[in-house]
Amino acid sequence: MKSHVKFSKGSRRSARNSFASNRGPTVPPMKDYTPTRNSRRPPFHAEIEAASQMALDSPEFQAFVRDIVNMPVEMAPNVAAAIRQQKWKIAPNPLAVIRTAAHQEAHRTGPDNA
């Protein structure tokens, strides 16, 4: 038994009539891309960059640890290790990332280094 399915041509005609000039649907113009991230650097980015170039025992680095990071000078090696990890570069709050990583590094290395 053959079964023929016959489609109605009405649907094709109605689609043809719904578009102007028989060209098909109009495509909206491409939107300009605007990045969602702010192009400005987060606060203290320049200071952290400068501190990453300083020697660990320099008075400038110890002042950075004490005054900007607000941690005791004894945590300077851990702060330096946290800066070397470079996670702070993509963080919205880089000082918080450095503080957290410094505490984690101190916990990892033990009480003699913290």
PDB file of N, CA and C in Angstrom:
ATOM      1  N   MET A   1       0.841  -1.175   0.000  1.00  0.00           N
ATOM      2  CA  MET A   1       0.000   0.000   0.000  1.00  0.00           C
ATOM      3  C   MET A   1       0.885   1.236   0.000  1.00  0.00           C
ATOM      4  N   LYS A   2       0.684   2.067  -0.982  1.00  0.00           N
ATOM      5  CA  LYS A   2       1.456   3.297  -1.075  1.00  0.00           C
ATOM      6  C   LYS A   2       0.736   4.399  -0.317  1.00  0.00           C
ATOM      7  N   SER A   3       1.527   5.116   0.429  1.00  0.00           N
ATOM      8  CA  SER A   3       0.917   6.267   1.083  1.00  0.00           C
ATOM      9  C   SER A   3       1.627   7.519   0.614  1.00  0.00           C
ATOM     10  N   HIS A   4       0.912   8.331   0.013  1.00  0.00           N
ATOM     11  CA  HIS A   4       1.474   9.595  -0.451  1.00  0.00           C
ATOM     12  C   HIS A   4       1.094  10.678   0.527  1.00  0.00           C
ATOM     13  N   VAL A   5       2.095  11.430   0.895  1.00  0.00           N
ATOM     14  CA  VAL A   5       1.831  12.568   1.752  1.00  0.00           C
ATOM     15  C   VAL A   5       1.888  13.799   0.868  1.00  0.00           C
ATOM     16  N   LYS A   6       0.841  14.513   0.841  1.00  0.00           N
ATOM     17  CA  LYS A   6       0.775  15.689  -0.005  1.00  0.00           C
ATOM     18  C   LYS A   6       0.844  16.919   0.894  1.00  0.00           C
ATOM     19  N   PHE A   7       1.816  17.770   0.580  1.00  0.00           N
ATOM     20  CA  PHE A   7       1.955  18.981   1.367  1.00  0.00           C
ATOM     21  C   PHE A   7       1.196  20.104   0.701  1.00  0.00           C
ATOM     22  N   SER A   8       0.686  20.936   1.478  1.00  0.00           N
ATOM     23  CA  SER A   8      -0.053  22.089   0.973  1.00  0.00           C
ATOM     24  C   SER A   8       0.930  23.147   0.500  1.00  0.00           C
ATOM     25  N   LYS A   9       0.646  23.747  -0.635  1.00  0.00           N
ATOM     26  CA  LYS A   9       1.505  24.818  -1.138  1.00  0.00           C
ATOM     27  C   LYS A   9       1.171  26.149  -0.480  1.00  0.00           C
ATOM     28  N   GLY A  10       0.163  26.158   0.298  1.00  0.00           N
ATOM     29  CA  GLY A  10      -0.249  27.403   0.930  1.00  0.00           C
ATOM     30  C   GLY A  10       0.801  27.946   1.886  1.00  0.00           C
ATOM     31  N   SER A  11       1.517  27.059   2.556  1.00  0.00           N
ATOM     32  CA  SER A  11       2.517  27.541   3.506  1.00  0.00           C
ATOM     33  C   SER A  11       3.666  28.228   2.787  1.00  0.00           C
ATOM     34  N   ARG A  12       4.013  27.736   1.609  1.00  0.00           N
ATOM     35  CA  ARG A  12       5.090  28.348   0.856  1.00  0.00           C
ATOM     36  C   ARG A  12       4.684  29.734   0.361  1.00  0.00           C
ATOM     37  N   ARG A  13       3.471  29.834  -0.092  1.00  0.00           N
ATOM     38  CA  ARG A  13       2.993  31.125  -0.591  1.00  0.00           C
ATOM     39  C   ARG A  13       2.890  32.146   0.527  1.00  0.00           C
ATOM     40  N   SER A  14       2.453  31.704   1.692  1.00  0.00           N
ATOM     41  CA  SER A  14       2.299  32.670   2.778  1.00  0.00           C
ATOM     42  C   SER A  14       3.670  33.164   3.249  1.00  0.00           C
ATOM     43  N   ALA A  15       4.684  32.317   3.207  1.00  0.00           N
ATOM     44  CA  ALA A  15       6.024  32.767   3.580  1.00  0.00           C
ATOM     45  C   ALA A  15       6.547  33.754   2.553  1.00  0.00           C
ATOM     46  N   ARG A  16       6.236  33.509   1.290  1.00  0.00           N
ATOM     47  CA  ARG A  16       6.697  34.403   0.229  1.00  0.00           C
ATOM     48  C   ARG A  16       6.051  35.786   0.368  1.00  0.00           C
ATOM     49  N   ASN A  17       4.834  35.804   0.793  1.00  0.00           N
ATOM     50  CA  ASN A  17       4.132  37.077   0.914  1.00  0.00           C
ATOM     51  C   ASN A  17       4.549  37.842   2.169  1.00  0.00           C
ATOM     52  N   SER A  18       5.075  37.162   3.160  1.00  0.00           N
ATOM     53  CA  SER A  18       5.389  37.854   4.407  1.00  0.00           C
ATOM     54  C   SER A  18       6.696  38.637   4.343  1.00  0.00           C
ATOM     55  N   PHE A  19       7.585  38.322   3.396  1.00  0.00           N
ATOM     56  CA  PHE A  19       8.848  39.040   3.286  1.00  0.00           C
ATOM     57  C   PHE A  19       8.775  40.049   2.151  1.00  0.00           C
ATOM     58  N   ALA A  20       9.406  41.149   2.334  1.00  0.00           N
ATOM     59  CA  ALA A  20       9.394  42.191   1.311  1.00  0.00           C
ATOM     60  C   ALA A  20      10.282  41.786   0.144  1.00  0.00           C
ATOM     61  N   SER A  21       9.834  41.978  -1.060  1.00  0.00           N
ATOM     62  CA  SER A  21      10.582  41.759  -2.303  1.00  0.00           C
ATOM     63  C   SER A  21      11.061  40.324  -2.468  1.00  0.00           C
ATOM     64  N   ASN A  22      10.441  39.383  -1.813  1.00  0.00           N
ATOM     65  CA  ASN A  22      10.789  37.964  -1.917  1.00  0.00           C
ATOM     66  C   ASN A  22      12.266  37.678  -1.632  1.00  0.00           C
ATOM     67  N   ARG A  23      12.885  38.437  -0.767  1.00  0.00           N
ATOM     68  CA  ARG A  23      14.305  38.247  -0.467  1.00  0.00           C
ATOM     69  C   ARG A  23      14.538  37.402   0.777  1.00  0.00           C
ATOM     70  N   GLY A  24      13.542  37.162   1.536  1.00  0.00           N
ATOM     71  CA  GLY A  24      13.730  36.413   2.763  1.00  0.00           C
ATOM     72  C   GLY A  24      13.784  37.342   3.969  1.00  0.00           C
ATOM     73  N   PRO A  25      14.017  36.786   5.124  1.00  0.00           N
ATOM     74  CA  PRO A  25      14.021  37.612   6.334  1.00  0.00           C
ATOM     75  C   PRO A  25      15.227  38.552   6.352  1.00  0.00           C
ATOM     76  N   THR A  26      15.040  39.682   6.967  1.00  0.00           N
ATOM     77  CA  THR A  26      16.145  40.628   7.076  1.00  0.00           C
ATOM     78  C   THR A  26      17.033  40.221   8.247  1.00  0.00           C
ATOM     79  N   VAL A  27      18.310  40.381   8.085  1.00  0.00           N
ATOM     80  CA  VAL A  27      19.277  40.043   9.113  1.00  0.00           C
ATOM     81  C   VAL A  27      19.671  41.335   9.803  1.00  0.00           C
ATOM     82  N   PRO A  28      19.585  41.375  11.127  1.00  0.00           N
ATOM     83  CA  PRO A  28      19.956  42.617  11.804  1.00  0.00           C
ATOM     84  C   PRO A  28      21.448  42.896  11.628  1.00  0.00           C
ATOM     85  N   PRO A  29      21.835  44.157  11.617  1.00  0.00           N
ATOM     86  CA  PRO A  29      23.259  44.478  11.457  1.00  0.00           C
ATOM     87  C   PRO A  29      24.062  43.996  12.666  1.00  0.00           C
ATOM     88  N   MET A  30      25.336  43.721  12.426  1.00  0.00           N
ATOM     89  CA  MET A  30      26.199  43.252  13.517  1.00  0.00           C
ATOM     90  C   MET A  30      26.373  44.346  14.555  1.00  0.00           C
ATOM     91  N   LYS A  31      26.374  43.936  15.805  1.00  0.00           N
ATOM     92  CA  LYS A  31      26.567  44.891  16.889  1.00  0.00           C
ATOM     93  C   LYS A  31      28.054  45.090  17.120  1.00  0.00           C
ATOM     94  N   ASP A  32      28.417  46.295  17.529  1.00  0.00           N
ATOM     95  CA  ASP A  32      29.813  46.567  17.869  1.00  0.00           C
ATOM     96  C   ASP A  32      30.147  45.847  19.173  1.00  0.00           C
ATOM     97  N   TYR A  33      31.326  45.249  19.208  1.00  0.00           N
ATOM     98  CA  TYR A  33      31.757  44.539  20.405  1.00  0.00           C
ATOM     99  C   TYR A  33      32.319  45.529  21.404  1.00  0.00           C
ATOM    100  N   THR A  34      31.785  45.484  22.592  1.00  0.00           N
ATOM    101  CA  THR A  34      32.325  46.284  23.683  1.00  0.00           C
ATOM    102  C   THR A  34      32.690  45.321  24.811  1.00  0.00           C
ATOM    103  N   PRO A  35      33.950  45.322  25.236  1.00  0.00           N
ATOM    104  CA  PRO A  35      34.346  44.385  26.290  1.00  0.00           C
ATOM    105  C   PRO A  35      33.617  44.693  27.592  1.00  0.00           C
ATOM    106  N   THR A  36      33.299  43.643  28.318  1.00  0.00           N
ATOM    107  CA  THR A  36      32.581  43.831  29.569  1.00  0.00           C
ATOM    108  C   THR A  36      33.525  44.166  30.717  1.00  0.00           C
ATOM    109  N   ARG A  37      34.796  43.808  30.578  1.00  0.00           N
ATOM    110  CA  ARG A  37      35.755  44.133  31.633  1.00  0.00           C
ATOM    111  C   ARG A  37      36.236  45.554  31.473  1.00  0.00           C
ATOM    112  N   ASN A  38      36.466  46.185  32.567  1.00  0.00           N
ATOM    113  CA  ASN A  38      36.967  47.548  32.561  1.00  0.00           C
ATOM    114  C   ASN A  38      38.437  47.532  32.147  1.00  0.00           C
ATOM    115  N   SER A  39      38.820  48.440  31.288  1.00  0.00           N
ATOM    116  CA  SER A  39      40.200  48.448  30.816  1.00  0.00           C
ATOM    117  C   SER A  39      41.148  49.098  31.826  1.00  0.00           C
ATOM    118  N   ARG A  40      40.598  49.772  32.815  1.00  0.00           N
ATOM    119  CA  ARG A  40      41.460  50.356  33.850  1.00  0.00           C
ATOM    120  C   ARG A  40      42.025  49.270  34.733  1.00  0.00           C
ATOM    121  N   ARG A  41      43.239  49.492  35.192  1.00  0.00           N
ATOM    122  CA  ARG A  41      43.867  48.532  36.099  1.00  0.00           C
ATOM    123  C   ARG A  41      43.261  48.708  37.490  1.00  0.00           C
ATOM    124  N   PRO A  42      43.169  47.611  38.251  1.00  0.00           N
ATOM    125  CA  PRO A  42      42.659  47.742  39.611  1.00  0.00           C
ATOM    126  C   PRO A  42      43.610  48.551  40.481  1.00  0.00           C
ATOM    127  N   PRO A  43      43.138  49.030  41.610  1.00  0.00           N
ATOM    128  CA  PRO A  43      44.006  49.830  42.478  1.00  0.00           C
ATOM    129  C   PRO A  43      45.216  49.038  42.960  1.00  0.00           C
ATOM    130  N   PHE A  44      46.321  49.733  43.136  1.00  0.00           N
ATOM    131  CA  PHE A  44      47.601  49.200  43.631  1.00  0.00           C
ATOM    132  C   PHE A  44      48.302  48.289  42.629  1.00  0.00           C
ATOM    133  N   HIS A  45      47.848  48.258  41.399  1.00  0.00           N
ATOM    134  CA  HIS A  45      48.481  47.400  40.396  1.00  0.00           C
ATOM    135  C   HIS A  45      49.923  47.848  40.148  1.00  0.00           C
ATOM    136  N   ALA A  46      50.147  49.138  40.000  1.00  0.00           N
ATOM    137  CA  ALA A  46      51.499  49.661  39.741  1.00  0.00           C
ATOM    138  C   ALA A  46      52.422  49.397  40.933  1.00  0.00           C
ATOM    139  N   GLU A  47      51.890  49.562  42.144  1.00  0.00           N
ATOM    140  CA  GLU A  47      52.705  49.329  43.334  1.00  0.00           C
ATOM    141  C   GLU A  47      53.128  47.866  43.442  1.00  0.00           C
ATOM    142  N   ILE A  48      52.209  46.959  43.113  1.00  0.00           N
ATOM    143  CA  ILE A  48      52.538  45.535  43.187  1.00  0.00           C
ATOM    144  C   ILE A  48      53.561  45.181  42.111  1.00  0.00           C
ATOM    145  N   GLU A  49      53.402  45.758  40.918  1.00  0.00           N
ATOM    146  CA  GLU A  49      54.380  45.533  39.850  1.00  0.00           C
ATOM    147  C   GLU A  49      55.768  45.997  40.285  1.00  0.00           C
ATOM    148  N   ALA A  50      55.835  47.177  40.902  1.00  0.00           N
ATOM    149  CA  ALA A  50      57.126  47.695  41.362  1.00  0.00           C
ATOM    150  C   ALA A  50      57.698  46.809  42.469  1.00  0.00           C
ATOM    151  N   ALA A  51      56.843  46.349  43.377  1.00  0.00           N
ATOM    152  CA  ALA A  51      57.322  45.509  44.483  1.00  0.00           C
ATOM    153  C   ALA A  51      57.813  44.157  43.970  1.00  0.00           C
ATOM    154  N   SER A  52      57.273  43.687  42.849  1.00  0.00           N
ATOM    155  CA  SER A  52      57.716  42.394  42.327  1.00  0.00           C
ATOM    156  C   SER A  52      59.150  42.460  41.806  1.00  0.00           C
ATOM    157  N   GLN A  53      59.637  43.659  41.529  1.00  0.00           N
ATOM    158  CA  GLN A  53      61.016  43.831  41.060  1.00  0.00           C
ATOM    159  C   GLN A  53      62.006  44.089  42.195  1.00  0.00           C
ATOM    160  N   MET A  54      61.506  44.330  43.407  1.00  0.00           N
ATOM    161  CA  MET A  54      62.376  44.671  44.541  1.00  0.00           C
ATOM    162  C   MET A  54      62.976  43.412  45.170  1.00  0.00           C
ATOM    163  N   ALA A  55      64.113  43.623  45.829  1.00  0.00           N
ATOM    164  CA  ALA A  55      64.725  42.532  46.587  1.00  0.00           C
ATOM    165  C   ALA A  55      63.909  42.280  47.851  1.00  0.00           C
ATOM    166  N   LEU A  56      63.918  41.045  48.300  1.00  0.00           N
ATOM    167  CA  LEU A  56      63.099  40.640  49.442  1.00  0.00           C
ATOM    168  C   LEU A  56      63.489  41.361  50.730  1.00  0.00           C
ATOM    169  N   ASP A  57      64.789  41.617  50.905  1.00  0.00           N
ATOM    170  CA  ASP A  57      65.248  42.240  52.151  1.00  0.00           C
ATOM    171  C   ASP A  57      65.397  43.751  52.036  1.00  0.00           C
ATOM    172  N   SER A  58      64.949  44.342  50.942  1.00  0.00           N
ATOM    173  CA  SER A  58      65.090  45.796  50.790  1.00  0.00           C
ATOM    174  C   SER A  58      64.082  46.505  51.687  1.00  0.00           C
ATOM    175  N   PRO A  59      64.462  47.677  52.183  1.00  0.00           N
ATOM    176  CA  PRO A  59      63.522  48.421  53.044  1.00  0.00           C
ATOM    177  C   PRO A  59      62.262  48.850  52.283  1.00  0.00           C
ATOM    178  N   GLU A  60      62.378  49.056  50.976  1.00  0.00           N
ATOM    179  CA  GLU A  60      61.193  49.446  50.192  1.00  0.00           C
ATOM    180  C   GLU A  60      60.168  48.308  50.151  1.00  0.00           C
ATOM    181  N   PHE A  61      60.654  47.069  49.973  1.00  0.00           N
ATOM    182  CA  PHE A  61      59.735  45.929  49.938  1.00  0.00           C
ATOM    183  C   PHE A  61      59.100  45.713  51.304  1.00  0.00           C
ATOM    184  N   GLN A  62      59.891  45.877  52.360  1.00  0.00           N
ATOM    185  CA  GLN A  62      59.330  45.698  53.700  1.00  0.00           C
ATOM    186  C   GLN A  62      58.313  46.786  54.018  1.00  0.00           C
ATOM    187  N   ALA A  63      58.545  48.003  53.517  1.00  0.00           N
ATOM    188  CA  ALA A  63      57.561  49.067  53.690  1.00  0.00           C
ATOM    189  C   ALA A  63      56.291  48.751  52.889  1.00  0.00           C
ATOM    190  N   PHE A  64      56.453  48.166  51.708  1.00  0.00           N
ATOM    191  CA  PHE A  64      55.305  47.748  50.907  1.00  0.00           C
ATOM    192  C   PHE A  64      54.471  46.710  51.659  1.00  0.00           C
ATOM    193  N   VAL A  65      55.145  45.724  52.237  1.00  0.00           N
ATOM    194  CA  VAL A  65      54.436  44.674  52.983  1.00  0.00           C
ATOM    195  C   VAL A  65      53.706  45.271  54.176  1.00  0.00           C
ATOM    196  N   ARG A  66      54.371  46.168  54.880  1.00  0.00           N
ATOM    197  CA  ARG A  66      53.798  46.734  56.096  1.00  0.00           C
ATOM    198  C   ARG A  66      52.696  47.754  55.789  1.00  0.00           C
ATOM    199  N   ASP A  67      52.941  48.671  54.837  1.00  0.00           N
ATOM    200  CA  ASP A  67      52.033  49.805  54.643  1.00  0.00           C
ATOM    201  C   ASP A  67      50.931  49.541  53.610  1.00  0.00           C
ATOM    202  N   ILE A  68      51.252  48.875  52.542  1.00  0.00           N
ATOM    203  CA  ILE A  68      50.260  48.694  51.476  1.00  0.00           C
ATOM    204  C   ILE A  68      49.498  47.380  51.648  1.00  0.00           C
ATOM    205  N   VAL A  69      50.228  46.290  51.894  1.00  0.00           N
ATOM    206  CA  VAL A  69      49.564  45.001  52.062  1.00  0.00           C
ATOM    207  C   VAL A  69      48.984  44.865  53.471  1.00  0.00           C
ATOM    208  N   ASN A  70      49.453  45.666  54.406  1.00  0.00           N
ATOM    209  CA  ASN A  70      49.005  45.653  55.806  1.00  0.00           C
ATOM    210  C   ASN A  70      49.233  44.295  56.468  1.00  0.00           C
ATOM    211  N   MET A  71      50.452  43.791  56.302  1.00  0.00           N
ATOM    212  CA  MET A  71      50.831  42.542  56.945  1.00  0.00           C
ATOM    213  C   MET A  71      52.135  42.769  57.705  1.00  0.00           C
ATOM    214  N   PRO A  72      52.438  41.920  58.685  1.00  0.00           N
ATOM    215  CA  PRO A  72      53.692  42.086  59.409  1.00  0.00           C
ATOM    216  C   PRO A  72      54.889  41.829  58.501  1.00  0.00           C
ATOM    217  N   VAL A  73      55.999  42.469  58.823  1.00  0.00           N
ATOM    218  CA  VAL A  73      57.214  42.355  58.010  1.00  0.00           C
ATOM    219  C   VAL A  73      57.717  40.912  57.989  1.00  0.00           C
ATOM    220  N   GLU A  74      57.408  40.146  59.024  1.00  0.00           N
ATOM    221  CA  GLU A  74      57.836  38.750  59.058  1.00  0.00           C
ATOM    222  C   GLU A  74      57.192  37.929  57.935  1.00  0.00           C
ATOM    223  N   MET A  75      56.106  38.425  57.379  1.00  0.00           N
ATOM    224  CA  MET A  75      55.411  37.719  56.288  1.00  0.00           C
ATOM    225  C   MET A  75      55.959  38.101  54.909  1.00  0.00           C
ATOM    226  N   ALA A  76      57.035  38.888  54.853  1.00  0.00           N
ATOM    227  CA  ALA A  76      57.580  39.354  53.578  1.00  0.00           C
ATOM    228  C   ALA A  76      57.938  38.220  52.618  1.00  0.00           C
ATOM    229  N   PRO A  77      58.574  37.119  53.071  1.00  0.00           N
ATOM    230  CA  PRO A  77      58.849  36.035  52.121  1.00  0.00           C
ATOM    231  C   PRO A  77      57.578  35.410  51.544  1.00  0.00           C
ATOM    232  N   ASN A  78      56.532  35.331  52.366  1.00  0.00           N
ATOM    233  CA  ASN A  78      55.273  34.768  51.897  1.00  0.00           C
ATOM    234  C   ASN A  78      54.563  35.722  50.934  1.00  0.00           C
ATOM    235  N   VAL A  79      54.671  37.005  51.193  1.00  0.00           N
ATOM    236  CA  VAL A  79      54.088  38.000  50.278  1.00  0.00           C
ATOM    237  C   VAL A  79      54.818  37.942  48.939  1.00  0.00           C
ATOM    238  N   ALA A  80      56.140  37.807  48.977  1.00  0.00           N
ATOM    239  CA  ALA A  80      56.912  37.712  47.735  1.00  0.00           C
ATOM    240  C   ALA A  80      56.510  36.467  46.948  1.00  0.00           C
ATOM    241  N   ALA A  81      56.288  35.363  47.647  1.00  0.00           N
ATOM    242  CA  ALA A  81      55.847  34.142  46.967  1.00  0.00           C
ATOM    243  C   ALA A  81      54.455  34.323  46.368  1.00  0.00           C
ATOM    244  N   ALA A  82      53.595  35.049  47.073  1.00  0.00           N
ATOM    245  CA  ALA A  82      52.246  35.301  46.567  1.00  0.00           C
ATOM    246  C   ALA A  82      52.285  36.192  45.324  1.00  0.00           C
ATOM    247  N   ILE A  83      53.190  37.156  45.308  1.00  0.00           N
ATOM    248  CA  ILE A  83      53.322  38.028  44.133  1.00  0.00           C
ATOM    249  C   ILE A  83      53.861  37.230  42.952  1.00  0.00           C
ATOM    250  N   ARG A  84      54.789  36.314  43.217  1.00  0.00           N
ATOM    251  CA  ARG A  84      55.343  35.496  42.131  1.00  0.00           C
ATOM    252  C   ARG A  84      54.296  34.586  41.487  1.00  0.00           C
ATOM    253  N   GLN A  85      53.267  34.211  42.216  1.00  0.00           N
ATOM    254  CA  GLN A  85      52.205  33.368  41.651  1.00  0.00           C
ATOM    255  C   GLN A  85      51.424  34.096  40.558  1.00  0.00           C
ATOM    256  N   GLN A  86      51.384  35.399  40.615  1.00  0.00           N
ATOM    257  CA  GLN A  86      50.753  36.290  39.627  1.00  0.00           C
ATOM    258  C   GLN A  86      49.249  36.098  39.486  1.00  0.00           C
ATOM    259  N   LYS A  87      48.611  35.514  40.474  1.00  0.00           N
ATOM    260  CA  LYS A  87      47.144  35.427  40.451  1.00  0.00           C
ATOM    261  C   LYS A  87      46.510  36.797  40.631  1.00  0.00           C
ATOM    262  N   TRP A  88      47.247  37.708  41.252  1.00  0.00           N
ATOM    263  CA  TRP A  88      46.716  39.031  41.534  1.00  0.00           C
ATOM    264  C   TRP A  88      46.472  39.824  40.257  1.00  0.00           C
ATOM    265  N   LYS A  89      47.119  39.460  39.157  1.00  0.00           N
ATOM    266  CA  LYS A  89      46.996  40.242  37.922  1.00  0.00           C
ATOM    267  C   LYS A  89      45.604  40.182  37.317  1.00  0.00           C
ATOM    268  N   ILE A  90      44.860  39.104  37.554  1.00  0.00           N
ATOM    269  CA  ILE A  90      43.531  38.983  36.971  1.00  0.00           C
ATOM    270  C   ILE A  90      42.426  39.197  37.997  1.00  0.00           C
ATOM    271  N   ALA A  91      42.793  39.515  39.215  1.00  0.00           N
ATOM    272  CA  ALA A  91      41.802  39.647  40.284  1.00  0.00           C
ATOM    273  C   ALA A  91      41.249  41.070  40.349  1.00  0.00           C
ATOM    274  N   PRO A  92      39.971  41.216  40.675  1.00  0.00           N
ATOM    275  CA  PRO A  92      39.426  42.566  40.851  1.00  0.00           C
ATOM    276  C   PRO A  92      39.966  43.251  42.101  1.00  0.00           C
ATOM    277  N   ASN A  93      40.390  42.465  43.092  1.00  0.00           N
ATOM    278  CA  ASN A  93      40.981  43.027  44.312  1.00  0.00           C
ATOM    279  C   ASN A  93      42.335  42.348  44.522  1.00  0.00           C
ATOM    280  N   PRO A  94      43.395  42.885  43.899  1.00  0.00           N
ATOM    281  CA  PRO A  94      44.681  42.185  43.947  1.00  0.00           C
ATOM    282  C   PRO A  94      45.296  42.101  45.338  1.00  0.00           C
ATOM    283  N   LEU A  95      45.075  43.099  46.184  1.00  0.00           N
ATOM    284  CA  LEU A  95      45.661  43.039  47.531  1.00  0.00           C
ATOM    285  C   LEU A  95      45.051  41.901  48.344  1.00  0.00           C
ATOM    286  N   ALA A  96      43.765  41.665  48.180  1.00  0.00           N
ATOM    287  CA  ALA A  96      43.131  40.554  48.900  1.00  0.00           C
ATOM    288  C   ALA A  96      43.684  39.218  48.420  1.00  0.00           C
ATOM    289  N   VAL A  97      43.953  39.109  47.132  1.00  0.00           N
ATOM    290  CA  VAL A  97      44.528  37.870  46.593  1.00  0.00           C
ATOM    291  C   VAL A  97      45.922  37.658  47.158  1.00  0.00           C
ATOM    292  N   ILE A  98      46.702  38.727  47.256  1.00  0.00           N
ATOM    293  CA  ILE A  98      48.060  38.614  47.795  1.00  0.00           C
ATOM    294  C   ILE A  98      48.015  38.233  49.270  1.00  0.00           C
ATOM    295  N   ARG A  99      47.123  38.862  50.033  1.00  0.00           N
ATOM    296  CA  ARG A  99      47.015  38.529  51.458  1.00  0.00           C
ATOM    297  C   ARG A  99      46.629  37.056  51.643  1.00  0.00           C
ATOM    298  N   THR A 100      45.628  36.621  50.889  1.00  0.00           N
ATOM    299  CA  THR A 100      45.168  35.234  51.013  1.00  0.00           C
ATOM    300  C   THR A 100      46.270  34.260  50.621  1.00  0.00           C
ATOM    301  N   ALA A 101      46.935  34.524  49.502  1.00  0.00           N
ATOM    302  CA  ALA A 101      47.999  33.626  49.045  1.00  0.00           C
ATOM    303  C   ALA A 101      49.180  33.635  50.010  1.00  0.00           C
ATOM    304  N   ALA A 102      49.460  34.787  50.621  1.00  0.00           N
ATOM    305  CA  ALA A 102      50.555  34.849  51.598  1.00  0.00           C
ATOM    306  C   ALA A 102      50.232  34.008  52.831  1.00  0.00           C
ATOM    307  N   HIS A 103      48.986  34.070  53.287  1.00  0.00           N
ATOM    308  CA  HIS A 103      48.595  33.237  54.427  1.00  0.00           C
ATOM    309  C   HIS A 103      48.644  31.751  54.061  1.00  0.00           C
ATOM    310  N   GLN A 104      48.214  31.426  52.850  1.00  0.00           N
ATOM    311  CA  GLN A 104      48.276  30.024  52.418  1.00  0.00           C
ATOM    312  C   GLN A 104      49.719  29.545  52.310  1.00  0.00           C
ATOM    313  N   GLU A 105      50.578  30.401  51.806  1.00  0.00           N
ATOM    314  CA  GLU A 105      51.997  30.055  51.696  1.00  0.00           C
ATOM    315  C   GLU A 105      52.613  29.876  53.084  1.00  0.00           C
ATOM    316  N   ALA A 106      52.254  30.737  54.032  1.00  0.00           N
ATOM    317  CA  ALA A 106      52.764  30.607  55.398  1.00  0.00           C
ATOM    318  C   ALA A 106      52.287  29.296  56.026  1.00  0.00           C
ATOM    319  N   HIS A 107      51.053  28.939  55.758  1.00  0.00           N
ATOM    320  CA  HIS A 107      50.521  27.681  56.288  1.00  0.00           C
ATOM    321  C   HIS A 107      51.231  26.484  55.647  1.00  0.00           C
ATOM    322  N   ARG A 108      51.537  26.605  54.357  1.00  0.00           N
ATOM    323  CA  ARG A 108      52.184  25.521  53.632  1.00  0.00           C
ATOM    324  C   ARG A 108      53.626  25.323  54.096  1.00  0.00           C
ATOM    325  N   THR A 109      54.346  26.431  54.340  1.00  0.00           N
ATOM    326  CA  THR A 109      55.764  26.330  54.700  1.00  0.00           C
ATOM    327  C   THR A 109      55.979  26.038  56.176  1.00  0.00           C
ATOM    328  N   GLY A 110      54.983  26.271  56.993  1.00  0.00           N
ATOM    329  CA  GLY A 110      55.115  25.937  58.398  1.00  0.00           C
ATOM    330  C   GLY A 110      55.342  27.154  59.274  1.00  0.00           C
ATOM    331  N   PRO A 111      55.337  26.957  60.596  1.00  0.00           N
ATOM    332  CA  PRO A 111      55.435  28.083  61.534  1.00  0.00           C
ATOM    333  C   PRO A 111      56.801  28.741  61.577  1.00  0.00           C
ATOM    334  N   ASP A 112      57.842  28.081  61.106  1.00  0.00           N
ATOM    335  CA  ASP A 112      59.182  28.690  61.199  1.00  0.00           C
ATOM    336  C   ASP A 112      59.365  29.802  60.163  1.00  0.00           C
ATOM    337  N   ASN A 113      58.544  29.845  59.122  1.00  0.00           N
ATOM    338  CA  ASN A 113      58.698  30.844  58.082  1.00  0.00           C
ATOM    339  C   ASN A 113      57.634  31.935  58.190  1.00  0.00           C
ATOM    340  N   ALA A 114      56.650  31.764  59.035  1.00  0.00           N
ATOM    341  CA  ALA A 114      55.578  32.761  59.132  1.00  0.00           C
ATOM    342  C   ALA A 114      55.761  33.651  60.330  1.00  0.00           C
TER     343      ALA A 114
END
